Each structure stands twice: as C-alpha cells, then as structure tokens.
C-alpha cells in the first residue's frame, strides 16, 4: 500500500470512528515519509479528537515547519490551542490563518482575471 492509499484509508477509518486504526496508519505513513504534510495534518486531527492535545500540537507544529503557509494547518493549530486553553496562542494562530486566507483569496482573484 502506498502512502497516499494509507492516508486515505486512515481518513476513512477516522470517519468511521476507528481512531486507533487511523492513528496507526498515519504513523506508518510518516515512518515512510516523515515530511508528508497530508499525513501530519490528518494525524493532528485524529490526535485532537482522541484528546491527545499535546501530541496533536506537536504534530501540527511539525507540519507547519514544513508548510508554514498551509491555511488548514493554521486553523488546526488555533483549534488545538483553544482546546489547551492557550487563548493568546489561539488568537495569534487565528490571525495568521485569517491572513493566509486573504492571501489565498487574492491569489484566486488574480488568477481569475
């Protein structure tokens, strides 16, 4: 099974409520490709849903170190920090997400003209 299939299977498992299976598949995927932003993004969400907030934050921050302009990762970080009770960190991540969203909108507007 290639990495893309494993991430897809993990997302399906997660959507079916099989959090432990999803976590294991994503960790396998990251063992093969430690810089897979898709796998880290998914693992962060799985860990957050499993109440493993510290682990979710670590994975999300690692993904952001690879893809600092990833809007969905920044939104995930904000959600994780809210769950942690880090109001200032969550507000900062939300501001960064808002700016990234604006940048995406501007880029889309420029492409459509």
C-alpha atoms as a PDB file:
ATOM      1  CA  UNK A   1       0.000   0.000   0.000  1.00  0.00           C
ATOM      2  CA  UNK A   2       1.491   3.336  -0.979  1.00  0.00           C
ATOM      3  CA  UNK A   3       1.488   6.364   1.265  1.00  0.00           C
ATOM      4  CA  UNK A   4      -1.441   8.135  -0.409  1.00  0.00           C
ATOM      5  CA  UNK A   5      -3.568   4.998  -0.034  1.00  0.00           C
ATOM      6  CA  UNK A   6      -2.566   4.694   3.624  1.00  0.00           C
ATOM      7  CA  UNK A   7      -3.527   8.314   4.360  1.00  0.00           C
ATOM      8  CA  UNK A   8      -6.835   7.817   2.532  1.00  0.00           C
ATOM      9  CA  UNK A   9      -7.514   4.613   4.450  1.00  0.00           C
ATOM     10  CA  UNK A  10      -6.671   6.401   7.702  1.00  0.00           C
ATOM     11  CA  UNK A  11      -9.101   9.224   6.901  1.00  0.00           C
ATOM     12  CA  UNK A  12     -11.802   6.663   6.140  1.00  0.00           C
ATOM     13  CA  UNK A  13     -11.075   4.812   9.403  1.00  0.00           C
ATOM     14  CA  UNK A  14     -11.248   8.107  11.303  1.00  0.00           C
ATOM     15  CA  UNK A  15     -14.578   8.984   9.702  1.00  0.00           C
ATOM     16  CA  UNK A  16     -15.874   5.562  10.785  1.00  0.00           C
ATOM     17  CA  UNK A  17     -14.834   6.233  14.394  1.00  0.00           C
ATOM     18  CA  UNK A  18     -11.781   3.955  14.269  1.00  0.00           C
ATOM     19  CA  UNK A  19      -9.386   6.486  15.766  1.00  0.00           C
ATOM     20  CA  UNK A  20      -6.726   3.996  16.880  1.00  0.00           C
ATOM     21  CA  UNK A  21      -6.571   2.408  13.412  1.00  0.00           C
ATOM     22  CA  UNK A  22      -6.331   5.842  11.807  1.00  0.00           C
ATOM     23  CA  UNK A  23      -3.544   6.856  14.189  1.00  0.00           C
ATOM     24  CA  UNK A  24      -1.575   3.664  13.447  1.00  0.00           C
ATOM     25  CA  UNK A  25      -1.946   4.051   9.661  1.00  0.00           C
ATOM     26  CA  UNK A  26      -0.841   7.673   9.763  1.00  0.00           C
ATOM     27  CA  UNK A  27       2.162   6.879  11.937  1.00  0.00           C
ATOM     28  CA  UNK A  28       3.129   4.135   9.453  1.00  0.00           C
ATOM     29  CA  UNK A  29       2.800   6.641   6.642  1.00  0.00           C
ATOM     30  CA  UNK A  30       5.008   9.136   8.474  1.00  0.00           C
ATOM     31  CA  UNK A  31       7.581   6.437   9.158  1.00  0.00           C
ATOM     32  CA  UNK A  32       7.892   6.065   5.376  1.00  0.00           C
ATOM     33  CA  UNK A  33       7.745   9.781   4.612  1.00  0.00           C
ATOM     34  CA  UNK A  34       8.389  11.943   7.701  1.00  0.00           C
ATOM     35  CA  UNK A  35       7.708  15.172   5.787  1.00  0.00           C
ATOM     36  CA  UNK A  36       4.231  14.256   4.486  1.00  0.00           C
ATOM     37  CA  UNK A  37       2.121  17.295   5.285  1.00  0.00           C
ATOM     38  CA  UNK A  38      -1.080  15.390   4.420  1.00  0.00           C
ATOM     39  CA  UNK A  39      -0.264  12.640   6.914  1.00  0.00           C
ATOM     40  CA  UNK A  40       0.741  15.122   9.623  1.00  0.00           C
ATOM     41  CA  UNK A  41      -2.396  17.205   9.043  1.00  0.00           C
ATOM     42  CA  UNK A  42      -4.603  14.125   9.370  1.00  0.00           C
ATOM     43  CA  UNK A  43      -2.691  12.756  12.379  1.00  0.00           C
ATOM     44  CA  UNK A  44      -3.010  16.068  14.175  1.00  0.00           C
ATOM     45  CA  UNK A  45      -6.802  15.971  13.743  1.00  0.00           C
ATOM     46  CA  UNK A  46      -7.003  12.330  14.846  1.00  0.00           C
ATOM     47  CA  UNK A  47      -4.921  13.032  17.954  1.00  0.00           C
ATOM     48  CA  UNK A  48      -7.028  16.068  18.807  1.00  0.00           C
ATOM     49  CA  UNK A  49     -10.219  14.015  18.592  1.00  0.00           C
ATOM     50  CA  UNK A  50      -8.606  11.417  20.875  1.00  0.00           C
ATOM     51  CA  UNK A  51      -7.954  14.176  23.452  1.00  0.00           C
ATOM     52  CA  UNK A  52      -4.181  13.843  22.908  1.00  0.00           C
ATOM     53  CA  UNK A  53      -3.900  17.614  22.716  1.00  0.00           C
ATOM     54  CA  UNK A  54      -0.154  17.907  23.399  1.00  0.00           C
ATOM     55  CA  UNK A  55       0.657  15.306  20.743  1.00  0.00           C
ATOM     56  CA  UNK A  56      -1.714  16.974  18.286  1.00  0.00           C
ATOM     57  CA  UNK A  57       0.040  20.296  18.830  1.00  0.00           C
ATOM     58  CA  UNK A  58       3.492  18.771  18.297  1.00  0.00           C
ATOM     59  CA  UNK A  59       2.453  17.117  15.027  1.00  0.00           C
ATOM     60  CA  UNK A  60       0.670  20.252  13.811  1.00  0.00           C
ATOM     61  CA  UNK A  61       3.671  22.465  14.573  1.00  0.00           C
ATOM     62  CA  UNK A  62       5.973  19.977  12.816  1.00  0.00           C
ATOM     63  CA  UNK A  63       3.713  20.120   9.752  1.00  0.00           C
ATOM     64  CA  UNK A  64       3.748  23.927   9.876  1.00  0.00           C
ATOM     65  CA  UNK A  65       7.549  23.867   9.922  1.00  0.00           C
ATOM     66  CA  UNK A  66       7.348  22.080   6.545  1.00  0.00           C
ATOM     67  CA  UNK A  67       4.388  24.070   5.161  1.00  0.00           C
ATOM     68  CA  UNK A  68       4.187  27.402   7.034  1.00  0.00           C
ATOM     69  CA  UNK A  69       1.597  28.858   4.636  1.00  0.00           C
ATOM     70  CA  UNK A  70      -0.892  25.982   4.944  1.00  0.00           C
ATOM     71  CA  UNK A  71      -4.218  27.536   5.902  1.00  0.00           C
ATOM     72  CA  UNK A  72      -5.838  24.326   7.176  1.00  0.00           C
ATOM     73  CA  UNK A  73      -2.848  23.598   9.424  1.00  0.00           C
ATOM     74  CA  UNK A  74      -3.005  27.090  10.914  1.00  0.00           C
ATOM     75  CA  UNK A  75      -6.728  26.662  11.578  1.00  0.00           C
ATOM     76  CA  UNK A  76      -5.992  23.286  13.203  1.00  0.00           C
ATOM     77  CA  UNK A  77      -3.336  24.877  15.398  1.00  0.00           C
ATOM     78  CA  UNK A  78      -5.807  27.525  16.528  1.00  0.00           C
ATOM     79  CA  UNK A  79      -8.358  24.817  17.423  1.00  0.00           C
ATOM     80  CA  UNK A  80      -5.710  22.832  19.315  1.00  0.00           C
ATOM     81  CA  UNK A  81      -4.629  25.903  21.290  1.00  0.00           C
ATOM     82  CA  UNK A  82      -8.243  26.720  22.155  1.00  0.00           C
ATOM     83  CA  UNK A  83      -8.634  23.173  23.479  1.00  0.00           C
ATOM     84  CA  UNK A  84      -5.430  23.646  25.500  1.00  0.00           C
ATOM     85  CA  UNK A  85      -6.739  26.889  26.967  1.00  0.00           C
ATOM     86  CA  UNK A  86      -3.955  28.945  25.335  1.00  0.00           C
ATOM     87  CA  UNK A  87      -6.087  31.967  24.464  1.00  0.00           C
ATOM     88  CA  UNK A  88      -3.193  34.172  23.293  1.00  0.00           C
ATOM     89  CA  UNK A  89      -1.690  31.426  21.146  1.00  0.00           C
ATOM     90  CA  UNK A  90      -5.079  30.643  19.648  1.00  0.00           C
ATOM     91  CA  UNK A  91      -5.700  34.305  18.824  1.00  0.00           C
ATOM     92  CA  UNK A  92      -2.267  34.553  17.170  1.00  0.00           C
ATOM     93  CA  UNK A  93      -2.868  31.390  15.111  1.00  0.00           C
ATOM     94  CA  UNK A  94      -6.332  32.652  14.133  1.00  0.00           C
ATOM     95  CA  UNK A  95      -4.841  35.958  12.953  1.00  0.00           C
ATOM     96  CA  UNK A  96      -2.238  34.107  10.886  1.00  0.00           C
ATOM     97  CA  UNK A  97      -4.972  31.883   9.433  1.00  0.00           C
ATOM     98  CA  UNK A  98      -7.026  34.946   8.502  1.00  0.00           C
ATOM     99  CA  UNK A  99      -4.021  36.481   6.696  1.00  0.00           C
ATOM    100  CA  UNK A 100      -3.328  33.196   4.878  1.00  0.00           C
ATOM    101  CA  UNK A 101      -6.976  33.064   3.842  1.00  0.00           C
ATOM    102  CA  UNK A 102      -6.788  36.582   2.453  1.00  0.00           C
ATOM    103  CA  UNK A 103      -3.612  35.702   0.551  1.00  0.00           C
ATOM    104  CA  UNK A 104      -5.369  32.689  -0.987  1.00  0.00           C
ATOM    105  CA  UNK A 105      -8.374  34.822  -1.956  1.00  0.00           C
ATOM    106  CA  UNK A 106      -6.130  37.435  -3.565  1.00  0.00           C
ATOM    107  CA  UNK A 107      -4.218  34.777  -5.483  1.00  0.00           C
ATOM    108  CA  UNK A 108      -7.504  33.281  -6.725  1.00  0.00           C
ATOM    109  CA  UNK A 109      -8.771  36.727  -7.766  1.00  0.00           C
ATOM    110  CA  UNK A 110      -5.562  37.388  -9.700  1.00  0.00           C
ATOM    111  CA  UNK A 111      -5.841  34.021 -11.482  1.00  0.00           C
ATOM    112  CA  UNK A 112      -9.448  34.618 -12.493  1.00  0.00           C
ATOM    113  CA  UNK A 113      -8.633  37.946 -14.188  1.00  0.00           C
END
